[in-house]
Amino acid sequence: AGKDSQAMLDYVAECARAADVTSRVVVLHNNLGRAEWPGPEGLAKEQAAHYGFRFEERHRAQLLLEEIRARGMWPDARNRY
């Protein structure tokens, strides 16, 4: 929900309007639990509402550091968090 996300959402909104598919756009926030700064969920929800897009949020069962500990390595391009 930072400035890069806002810029991309604005671009997606522009493209979706041009293609007349705004009803198919969903803003998804993947909550990082304790690893997340306070506030991104609310900001992402506000941004979705601003454009009139549906908002959804996902939570993982495991925290990022728990997954790293279980795998023994950091996520990479093939094994995303």
PDB file of N, CA and C in Angstrom:
ATOM      1  N   ALA A   1       0.821  -1.190   0.000  1.00  0.00           N
ATOM      2  CA  ALA A   1       0.000   0.000   0.000  1.00  0.00           C
ATOM      3  C   ALA A   1       0.861   1.248   0.000  1.00  0.00           C
ATOM      4  N   GLY A   2       2.108   1.130  -0.401  1.00  0.00           N
ATOM      5  CA  GLY A   2       2.987   2.289  -0.469  1.00  0.00           C
ATOM      6  C   GLY A   2       2.844   3.020  -1.787  1.00  0.00           C
ATOM      7  N   LYS A   3       3.822   3.912  -2.042  1.00  0.00           N
ATOM      8  CA  LYS A   3       3.715   4.745  -3.244  1.00  0.00           C
ATOM      9  C   LYS A   3       3.802   3.925  -4.527  1.00  0.00           C
ATOM     10  N   ASP A   4       4.590   2.868  -4.555  1.00  0.00           N
ATOM     11  CA  ASP A   4       4.661   2.030  -5.755  1.00  0.00           C
ATOM     12  C   ASP A   4       3.329   1.323  -5.999  1.00  0.00           C
ATOM     13  N   SER A   5       2.723   0.829  -4.926  1.00  0.00           N
ATOM     14  CA  SER A   5       1.420   0.169  -5.056  1.00  0.00           C
ATOM     15  C   SER A   5       0.363   1.153  -5.535  1.00  0.00           C
ATOM     16  N   GLN A   6       0.406   2.369  -5.007  1.00  0.00           N
ATOM     17  CA  GLN A   6      -0.559   3.388  -5.415  1.00  0.00           C
ATOM     18  C   GLN A   6      -0.388   3.736  -6.888  1.00  0.00           C
ATOM     19  N   ALA A   7       0.859   3.887  -7.331  1.00  0.00           N
ATOM     20  CA  ALA A   7       1.119   4.208  -8.738  1.00  0.00           C
ATOM     21  C   ALA A   7       0.633   3.076  -9.647  1.00  0.00           C
ATOM     22  N   MET A   8       0.883   1.836  -9.261  1.00  0.00           N
ATOM     23  CA  MET A   8       0.441   0.704 -10.072  1.00  0.00           C
ATOM     24  C   MET A   8      -1.077   0.604 -10.084  1.00  0.00           C
ATOM     25  N   LEU A   9      -1.710   0.835  -8.944  1.00  0.00           N
ATOM     26  CA  LEU A   9      -3.164   0.784  -8.880  1.00  0.00           C
ATOM     27  C   LEU A   9      -3.781   1.857  -9.772  1.00  0.00           C
ATOM     28  N   ASP A  10      -3.189   3.035  -9.800  1.00  0.00           N
ATOM     29  CA  ASP A  10      -3.683   4.103 -10.666  1.00  0.00           C
ATOM     30  C   ASP A  10      -3.575   3.692 -12.132  1.00  0.00           C
ATOM     31  N   TYR A  11      -2.459   3.066 -12.486  1.00  0.00           N
ATOM     32  CA  TYR A  11      -2.262   2.597 -13.865  1.00  0.00           C
ATOM     33  C   TYR A  11      -3.267   1.490 -14.212  1.00  0.00           C
ATOM     34  N   VAL A  12      -3.453   0.547 -13.296  1.00  0.00           N
ATOM     35  CA  VAL A  12      -4.422  -0.535 -13.514  1.00  0.00           C
ATOM     36  C   VAL A  12      -5.824   0.042 -13.678  1.00  0.00           C
ATOM     37  N   ALA A  13      -6.167   1.025 -12.857  1.00  0.00           N
ATOM     38  CA  ALA A  13      -7.491   1.651 -12.956  1.00  0.00           C
ATOM     39  C   ALA A  13      -7.679   2.296 -14.326  1.00  0.00           C
ATOM     40  N   GLU A  14      -6.652   2.985 -14.796  1.00  0.00           N
ATOM     41  CA  GLU A  14      -6.718   3.622 -16.120  1.00  0.00           C
ATOM     42  C   GLU A  14      -6.917   2.582 -17.224  1.00  0.00           C
ATOM     43  N   CYS A  15      -6.146   1.509 -17.167  1.00  0.00           N
ATOM     44  CA  CYS A  15      -6.249   0.446 -18.179  1.00  0.00           C
ATOM     45  C   CYS A  15      -7.599  -0.265 -18.093  1.00  0.00           C
ATOM     46  N   ALA A  16      -8.068  -0.525 -16.879  1.00  0.00           N
ATOM     47  CA  ALA A  16      -9.349  -1.219 -16.690  1.00  0.00           C
ATOM     48  C   ALA A  16     -10.502  -0.379 -17.223  1.00  0.00           C
ATOM     49  N   ARG A  17     -10.433   0.934 -16.991  1.00  0.00           N
ATOM     50  CA  ARG A  17     -11.486   1.810 -17.527  1.00  0.00           C
ATOM     51  C   ARG A  17     -11.471   1.799 -19.048  1.00  0.00           C
ATOM     52  N   ALA A  18     -10.278   1.878 -19.620  1.00  0.00           N
ATOM     53  CA  ALA A  18     -10.151   1.892 -21.083  1.00  0.00           C
ATOM     54  C   ALA A  18     -10.694   0.606 -21.695  1.00  0.00           C
ATOM     55  N   ALA A  19     -10.516  -0.513 -20.997  1.00  0.00           N
ATOM     56  CA  ALA A  19     -10.975  -1.814 -21.493  1.00  0.00           C
ATOM     57  C   ALA A  19     -12.385  -2.151 -21.000  1.00  0.00           C
ATOM     58  N   ASP A  20     -12.975  -1.263 -20.219  1.00  0.00           N
ATOM     59  CA  ASP A  20     -14.317  -1.454 -19.660  1.00  0.00           C
ATOM     60  C   ASP A  20     -14.418  -2.751 -18.845  1.00  0.00           C
ATOM     61  N   VAL A  21     -13.425  -2.975 -17.988  1.00  0.00           N
ATOM     62  CA  VAL A  21     -13.406  -4.184 -17.152  1.00  0.00           C
ATOM     63  C   VAL A  21     -13.187  -3.850 -15.670  1.00  0.00           C
ATOM     64  N   THR A  22     -13.571  -2.659 -15.249  1.00  0.00           N
ATOM     65  CA  THR A  22     -13.327  -2.276 -13.851  1.00  0.00           C
ATOM     66  C   THR A  22     -14.007  -3.214 -12.855  1.00  0.00           C
ATOM     67  N   SER A  23     -15.089  -3.839 -13.250  1.00  0.00           N
ATOM     68  CA  SER A  23     -15.789  -4.754 -12.337  1.00  0.00           C
ATOM     69  C   SER A  23     -14.979  -6.015 -12.053  1.00  0.00           C
ATOM     70  N   ARG A  24     -13.937  -6.247 -12.828  1.00  0.00           N
ATOM     71  CA  ARG A  24     -13.122  -7.456 -12.652  1.00  0.00           C
ATOM     72  C   ARG A  24     -11.861  -7.210 -11.828  1.00  0.00           C
ATOM     73  N   VAL A  25     -11.620  -5.965 -11.423  1.00  0.00           N
ATOM     74  CA  VAL A  25     -10.400  -5.632 -10.683  1.00  0.00           C
ATOM     75  C   VAL A  25     -10.617  -5.866  -9.189  1.00  0.00           C
ATOM     76  N   VAL A  26      -9.658  -6.539  -8.575  1.00  0.00           N
ATOM     77  CA  VAL A  26      -9.679  -6.796  -7.134  1.00  0.00           C
ATOM     78  C   VAL A  26      -8.362  -6.299  -6.554  1.00  0.00           C
ATOM     79  N   VAL A  27      -8.432  -5.494  -5.512  1.00  0.00           N
ATOM     80  CA  VAL A  27      -7.234  -5.063  -4.794  1.00  0.00           C
ATOM     81  C   VAL A  27      -7.009  -6.074  -3.679  1.00  0.00           C
ATOM     82  N   LEU A  28      -5.848  -6.721  -3.698  1.00  0.00           N
ATOM     83  CA  LEU A  28      -5.539  -7.778  -2.736  1.00  0.00           C
ATOM     84  C   LEU A  28      -4.404  -7.333  -1.826  1.00  0.00           C
ATOM     85  N   HIS A  29      -4.631  -7.418  -0.527  1.00  0.00           N
ATOM     86  CA  HIS A  29      -3.589  -7.120   0.459  1.00  0.00           C
ATOM     87  C   HIS A  29      -3.194  -8.428   1.125  1.00  0.00           C
ATOM     88  N   ASN A  30      -1.925  -8.798   1.017  1.00  0.00           N
ATOM     89  CA  ASN A  30      -1.408  -9.999   1.669  1.00  0.00           C
ATOM     90  C   ASN A  30      -0.780  -9.585   3.000  1.00  0.00           C
ATOM     91  N   ASN A  31      -1.491  -9.813   4.073  1.00  0.00           N
ATOM     92  CA  ASN A  31      -1.071  -9.377   5.392  1.00  0.00           C
ATOM     93  C   ASN A  31       0.115 -10.206   5.870  1.00  0.00           C
ATOM     94  N   LEU A  32       1.161  -9.538   6.346  1.00  0.00           N
ATOM     95  CA  LEU A  32       2.370 -10.216   6.805  1.00  0.00           C
ATOM     96  C   LEU A  32       2.370 -10.471   8.304  1.00  0.00           C
ATOM     97  N   GLY A  33       1.252 -10.221   8.950  1.00  0.00           N
ATOM     98  CA  GLY A  33       1.161 -10.468  10.390  1.00  0.00           C
ATOM     99  C   GLY A  33       2.074  -9.548  11.171  1.00  0.00           C
ATOM    100  N   ARG A  34       2.824 -10.112  12.117  1.00  0.00           N
ATOM    101  CA  ARG A  34       3.695  -9.300  12.983  1.00  0.00           C
ATOM    102  C   ARG A  34       4.817  -8.622  12.212  1.00  0.00           C
ATOM    103  N   ALA A  35       5.159  -9.117  11.025  1.00  0.00           N
ATOM    104  CA  ALA A  35       6.245  -8.528  10.242  1.00  0.00           C
ATOM    105  C   ALA A  35       5.803  -7.276   9.487  1.00  0.00           C
ATOM    106  N   GLU A  36       4.525  -6.955   9.546  1.00  0.00           N
ATOM    107  CA  GLU A  36       3.992  -5.830   8.778  1.00  0.00           C
ATOM    108  C   GLU A  36       3.958  -4.556   9.619  1.00  0.00           C
ATOM    109  N   TRP A  37       4.286  -3.438   8.980  1.00  0.00           N
ATOM    110  CA  TRP A  37       4.154  -2.140   9.635  1.00  0.00           C
ATOM    111  C   TRP A  37       2.682  -1.875   9.896  1.00  0.00           C
ATOM    112  N   PRO A  38       2.361  -1.090  10.916  1.00  0.00           N
ATOM    113  CA  PRO A  38       0.960  -0.729  11.154  1.00  0.00           C
ATOM    114  C   PRO A  38       0.427   0.168  10.030  1.00  0.00           C
ATOM    115  N   GLY A  39      -0.782  -0.100   9.588  1.00  0.00           N
ATOM    116  CA  GLY A  39      -1.433   0.798   8.650  1.00  0.00           C
ATOM    117  C   GLY A  39      -1.636   0.369   7.218  1.00  0.00           C
ATOM    118  N   PRO A  40      -0.826  -0.531   6.634  1.00  0.00           N
ATOM    119  CA  PRO A  40      -0.987  -0.830   5.215  1.00  0.00           C
ATOM    120  C   PRO A  40      -2.353  -1.397   4.843  1.00  0.00           C
ATOM    121  N   GLU A  41      -2.938  -2.194   5.734  1.00  0.00           N
ATOM    122  CA  GLU A  41      -4.239  -2.792   5.419  1.00  0.00           C
ATOM    123  C   GLU A  41      -5.293  -1.702   5.223  1.00  0.00           C
ATOM    124  N   GLY A  42      -5.336  -0.751   6.142  1.00  0.00           N
ATOM    125  CA  GLY A  42      -6.304   0.336   6.030  1.00  0.00           C
ATOM    126  C   GLY A  42      -6.070   1.190   4.801  1.00  0.00           C
ATOM    127  N   LEU A  43      -4.801   1.450   4.499  1.00  0.00           N
ATOM    128  CA  LEU A  43      -4.474   2.256   3.327  1.00  0.00           C
ATOM    129  C   LEU A  43      -4.872   1.536   2.044  1.00  0.00           C
ATOM    130  N   ALA A  44      -4.590   0.251   1.959  1.00  0.00           N
ATOM    131  CA  ALA A  44      -4.965  -0.519   0.763  1.00  0.00           C
ATOM    132  C   ALA A  44      -6.479  -0.534   0.585  1.00  0.00           C
ATOM    133  N   LYS A  45      -7.197  -0.650   1.689  1.00  0.00           N
ATOM    134  CA  LYS A  45      -8.665  -0.646   1.642  1.00  0.00           C
ATOM    135  C   LYS A  45      -9.180   0.713   1.154  1.00  0.00           C
ATOM    136  N   GLU A  46      -8.581   1.801   1.640  1.00  0.00           N
ATOM    137  CA  GLU A  46      -8.960   3.152   1.200  1.00  0.00           C
ATOM    138  C   GLU A  46      -8.688   3.339  -0.288  1.00  0.00           C
ATOM    139  N   GLN A  47      -7.521   2.861  -0.739  1.00  0.00           N
ATOM    140  CA  GLN A  47      -7.169   3.001  -2.150  1.00  0.00           C
ATOM    141  C   GLN A  47      -8.150   2.238  -3.029  1.00  0.00           C
ATOM    142  N   ALA A  48      -8.523   1.045  -2.627  1.00  0.00           N
ATOM    143  CA  ALA A  48      -9.495   0.259  -3.395  1.00  0.00           C
ATOM    144  C   ALA A  48     -10.825   0.998  -3.464  1.00  0.00           C
ATOM    145  N   ALA A  49     -11.264   1.542  -2.340  1.00  0.00           N
ATOM    146  CA  ALA A  49     -12.535   2.273  -2.300  1.00  0.00           C
ATOM    147  C   ALA A  49     -12.481   3.512  -3.187  1.00  0.00           C
ATOM    148  N   HIS A  50     -11.337   4.183  -3.206  1.00  0.00           N
ATOM    149  CA  HIS A  50     -11.186   5.383  -4.037  1.00  0.00           C
ATOM    150  C   HIS A  50     -11.480   5.085  -5.509  1.00  0.00           C
ATOM    151  N   TYR A  51     -11.026   3.939  -5.968  1.00  0.00           N
ATOM    152  CA  TYR A  51     -11.229   3.556  -7.373  1.00  0.00           C
ATOM    153  C   TYR A  51     -12.508   2.748  -7.581  1.00  0.00           C
ATOM    154  N   GLY A  52     -13.185   2.415  -6.499  1.00  0.00           N
ATOM    155  CA  GLY A  52     -14.411   1.630  -6.614  1.00  0.00           C
ATOM    156  C   GLY A  52     -14.151   0.159  -6.877  1.00  0.00           C
ATOM    157  N   PHE A  53     -12.979  -0.327  -6.457  1.00  0.00           N
ATOM    158  CA  PHE A  53     -12.612  -1.724  -6.668  1.00  0.00           C
ATOM    159  C   PHE A  53     -12.898  -2.543  -5.415  1.00  0.00           C
ATOM    160  N   ARG A  54     -13.151  -3.828  -5.623  1.00  0.00           N
ATOM    161  CA  ARG A  54     -13.348  -4.764  -4.511  1.00  0.00           C
ATOM    162  C   ARG A  54     -12.018  -4.926  -3.769  1.00  0.00           C
ATOM    163  N   PHE A  55     -12.084  -5.083  -2.460  1.00  0.00           N
ATOM    164  CA  PHE A  55     -10.893  -5.262  -1.633  1.00  0.00           C
ATOM    165  C   PHE A  55     -10.954  -6.618  -0.955  1.00  0.00           C
ATOM    166  N   GLU A  56      -9.842  -7.340  -0.975  1.00  0.00           N
ATOM    167  CA  GLU A  56      -9.729  -8.611  -0.257  1.00  0.00           C
ATOM    168  C   GLU A  56      -8.404  -8.634   0.476  1.00  0.00           C
ATOM    169  N   GLU A  57      -8.375  -9.392   1.550  1.00  0.00           N
ATOM    170  CA  GLU A  57      -7.149  -9.532   2.324  1.00  0.00           C
ATOM    171  C   GLU A  57      -6.888 -11.008   2.574  1.00  0.00           C
ATOM    172  N   ARG A  58      -5.632 -11.392   2.527  1.00  0.00           N
ATOM    173  CA  ARG A  58      -5.232 -12.774   2.785  1.00  0.00           C
ATOM    174  C   ARG A  58      -4.264 -12.802   3.963  1.00  0.00           C
ATOM    175  N   HIS A  59      -4.359 -13.864   4.745  1.00  0.00           N
ATOM    176  CA  HIS A  59      -3.452 -14.110   5.865  1.00  0.00           C
ATOM    177  C   HIS A  59      -2.867 -15.501   5.679  1.00  0.00           C
ATOM    178  N   ARG A  60      -1.598 -15.646   5.954  1.00  0.00           N
ATOM    179  CA  ARG A  60      -0.975 -16.965   5.905  1.00  0.00           C
ATOM    180  C   ARG A  60      -1.046 -17.610   7.279  1.00  0.00           C
ATOM    181  N   ALA A  61      -1.076 -18.928   7.289  1.00  0.00           N
ATOM    182  CA  ALA A  61      -1.096 -19.656   8.559  1.00  0.00           C
ATOM    183  C   ALA A  61       0.238 -19.488   9.286  1.00  0.00           C
ATOM    184  N   GLN A  62       1.331 -19.464   8.519  1.00  0.00           N
ATOM    185  CA  GLN A  62       2.666 -19.328   9.095  1.00  0.00           C
ATOM    186  C   GLN A  62       3.186 -17.919   8.865  1.00  0.00           C
ATOM    187  N   LEU A  63       3.913 -17.397   9.833  1.00  0.00           N
ATOM    188  CA  LEU A  63       4.596 -16.127   9.645  1.00  0.00           C
ATOM    189  C   LEU A  63       5.813 -16.342   8.754  1.00  0.00           C
ATOM    190  N   LEU A  64       6.295 -15.269   8.152  1.00  0.00           N
ATOM    191  CA  LEU A  64       7.444 -15.351   7.250  1.00  0.00           C
ATOM    192  C   LEU A  64       8.644 -16.010   7.929  1.00  0.00           C
ATOM    193  N   LEU A  65       8.994 -15.562   9.124  1.00  0.00           N
ATOM    194  CA  LEU A  65      10.169 -16.129   9.795  1.00  0.00           C
ATOM    195  C   LEU A  65       9.966 -17.594  10.164  1.00  0.00           C
ATOM    196  N   GLU A  66       8.743 -17.992  10.471  1.00  0.00           N
ATOM    197  CA  GLU A  66       8.463 -19.409  10.744  1.00  0.00           C
ATOM    198  C   GLU A  66       8.667 -20.241   9.484  1.00  0.00           C
ATOM    199  N   GLU A  67       8.240 -19.702   8.344  1.00  0.00           N
ATOM    200  CA  GLU A  67       8.415 -20.427   7.088  1.00  0.00           C
ATOM    201  C   GLU A  67       9.893 -20.543   6.718  1.00  0.00           C
ATOM    202  N   ILE A  68      10.648 -19.479   6.944  1.00  0.00           N
ATOM    203  CA  ILE A  68      12.089 -19.509   6.665  1.00  0.00           C
ATOM    204  C   ILE A  68      12.758 -20.563   7.538  1.00  0.00           C
ATOM    205  N   ARG A  69      12.384 -20.588   8.809  1.00  0.00           N
ATOM    206  CA  ARG A  69      12.960 -21.573   9.732  1.00  0.00           C
ATOM    207  C   ARG A  69      12.626 -22.995   9.270  1.00  0.00           C
ATOM    208  N   ALA A  70      11.396 -23.235   8.840  1.00  0.00           N
ATOM    209  CA  ALA A  70      10.977 -24.570   8.402  1.00  0.00           C
ATOM    210  C   ALA A  70      11.678 -24.991   7.117  1.00  0.00           C
ATOM    211  N   ARG A  71      11.842 -24.053   6.180  1.00  0.00           N
ATOM    212  CA  ARG A  71      12.483 -24.367   4.897  1.00  0.00           C
ATOM    213  C   ARG A  71      14.001 -24.361   4.990  1.00  0.00           C
ATOM    214  N   GLY A  72      14.523 -23.606   5.969  1.00  0.00           N
ATOM    215  CA  GLY A  72      15.968 -23.490   6.098  1.00  0.00           C
ATOM    216  C   GLY A  72      16.572 -22.492   5.127  1.00  0.00           C
ATOM    217  N   MET A  73      15.728 -21.694   4.477  1.00  0.00           N
ATOM    218  CA  MET A  73      16.236 -20.688   3.535  1.00  0.00           C
ATOM    219  C   MET A  73      15.173 -19.619   3.299  1.00  0.00           C
ATOM    220  N   TRP A  74      15.629 -18.494   2.766  1.00  0.00           N
ATOM    221  CA  TRP A  74      14.723 -17.399   2.426  1.00  0.00           C
ATOM    222  C   TRP A  74      13.917 -17.750   1.184  1.00  0.00           C
ATOM    223  N   PRO A  75      12.736 -17.142   1.029  1.00  0.00           N
ATOM    224  CA  PRO A  75      11.970 -17.328  -0.216  1.00  0.00           C
ATOM    225  C   PRO A  75      12.787 -16.836  -1.413  1.00  0.00           C
ATOM    226  N   ASP A  76      12.528 -17.422  -2.562  1.00  0.00           N
ATOM    227  CA  ASP A  76      13.199 -16.981  -3.787  1.00  0.00           C
ATOM    228  C   ASP A  76      12.155 -16.857  -4.892  1.00  0.00           C
ATOM    229  N   ALA A  77      12.596 -16.636  -6.117  1.00  0.00           N
ATOM    230  CA  ALA A  77      11.676 -16.418  -7.233  1.00  0.00           C
ATOM    231  C   ALA A  77      10.762 -17.626  -7.478  1.00  0.00           C
ATOM    232  N   ARG A  78      11.241 -18.828  -7.190  1.00  0.00           N
ATOM    233  CA  ARG A  78      10.439 -20.034  -7.426  1.00  0.00           C
ATOM    234  C   ARG A  78       9.564 -20.399  -6.235  1.00  0.00           C
ATOM    235  N   ASN A  79      10.005 -20.029  -5.047  1.00  0.00           N
ATOM    236  CA  ASN A  79       9.288 -20.366  -3.812  1.00  0.00           C
ATOM    237  C   ASN A  79       8.968 -19.080  -3.071  1.00  0.00           C
ATOM    238  N   ARG A  80       7.896 -18.439  -3.486  1.00  0.00           N
ATOM    239  CA  ARG A  80       7.531 -17.141  -2.925  1.00  0.00           C
ATOM    240  C   ARG A  80       6.842 -17.312  -1.584  1.00  0.00           C
ATOM    241  N   TYR A  81       6.900 -16.272  -0.785  1.00  0.00           N
ATOM    242  CA  TYR A  81       6.178 -16.262   0.478  1.00  0.00           C
ATOM    243  C   TYR A  81       4.777 -15.915   0.161  1.00  0.00           C
TER     244      TYR A  81
END
